[in-house]
Amino acid sequence: MNIEVSGILGLLILIADIWAIVNVLQSGADTLKKVLWIVVILVLPVVGLILWFLFGPKG
């Protein structure tokens, strides 16, 4: 049971990270900020996603 739950949770985190990266790429931020946000999201998947959601580029 634990393997299935962690597998599903990992898949959900992966989907959320991909969604965040796509949104970063579509944002109006400059290239350096985009690259930095993508690196943060990739290196720290859960924490980076939360940080991006709170402090990332809007719109």
Protein backbone atom coordinates (compact mmCIF):
# COMPACT_ATOMS: atom_id res chain seq x y z
CA MET A 1 0.00 0.00 0.00
CA ASN A 2 2.79 2.46 0.84
CA ILE A 3 4.42 1.96 -2.54
CA GLU A 4 1.19 2.81 -4.37
CA VAL A 5 0.53 5.91 -2.27
CA SER A 6 4.05 7.26 -2.67
CA GLY A 7 3.93 6.49 -6.39
CA ILE A 8 0.70 8.42 -6.82
CA LEU A 9 2.02 11.28 -4.68
CA GLY A 10 5.23 11.40 -6.71
CA LEU A 11 3.24 11.48 -9.93
CA LEU A 12 1.09 14.35 -8.64
CA ILE A 13 4.20 16.31 -7.64
CA LEU A 14 5.73 15.68 -11.07
CA ILE A 15 2.57 16.92 -12.81
CA ALA A 16 2.44 20.02 -10.57
CA ASP A 17 6.13 20.76 -11.26
CA ILE A 18 5.64 20.45 -15.02
CA TRP A 19 2.62 22.77 -14.77
CA ALA A 20 4.68 25.31 -12.79
CA ILE A 21 7.55 25.18 -15.30
CA VAL A 22 5.17 25.74 -18.21
CA ASN A 23 3.64 28.70 -16.39
CA VAL A 24 7.09 30.14 -15.68
CA LEU A 25 8.00 29.87 -19.36
CA GLN A 26 4.75 31.60 -20.37
CA SER A 27 5.17 34.43 -17.87
CA GLY A 28 6.34 37.90 -18.78
CA ALA A 29 9.40 37.72 -16.51
CA ASP A 30 12.86 38.26 -17.96
CA THR A 31 14.96 35.28 -19.02
CA LEU A 32 17.22 35.21 -15.94
CA LYS A 33 14.26 35.06 -13.56
CA LYS A 34 12.66 32.30 -15.63
CA VAL A 35 15.85 30.24 -15.53
CA LEU A 36 16.26 30.75 -11.79
CA TRP A 37 12.66 29.72 -11.06
CA ILE A 38 12.98 26.62 -13.23
CA VAL A 39 16.19 25.61 -11.45
CA VAL A 40 14.55 26.11 -8.03
CA ILE A 41 11.53 24.03 -9.09
CA LEU A 42 13.74 21.23 -10.45
CA VAL A 43 16.19 21.12 -7.54
CA LEU A 44 13.55 21.44 -4.80
CA PRO A 45 10.39 19.91 -6.32
CA VAL A 46 7.96 20.41 -3.42
CA VAL A 47 9.53 23.46 -1.75
CA GLY A 48 10.27 25.07 -5.13
CA LEU A 49 6.66 24.59 -6.20
CA ILE A 50 5.39 26.22 -3.01
CA LEU A 51 7.88 29.10 -3.30
CA TRP A 52 6.94 29.65 -6.94
CA PHE A 53 3.24 29.65 -6.06
CA LEU A 54 3.80 32.25 -3.32
CA PHE A 55 6.50 34.47 -4.83
CA GLY A 56 6.72 33.61 -8.52
CA PRO A 57 5.92 35.78 -11.51
CA LYS A 58 2.25 36.61 -11.83
CA GLY A 59 0.33 36.83 -15.09
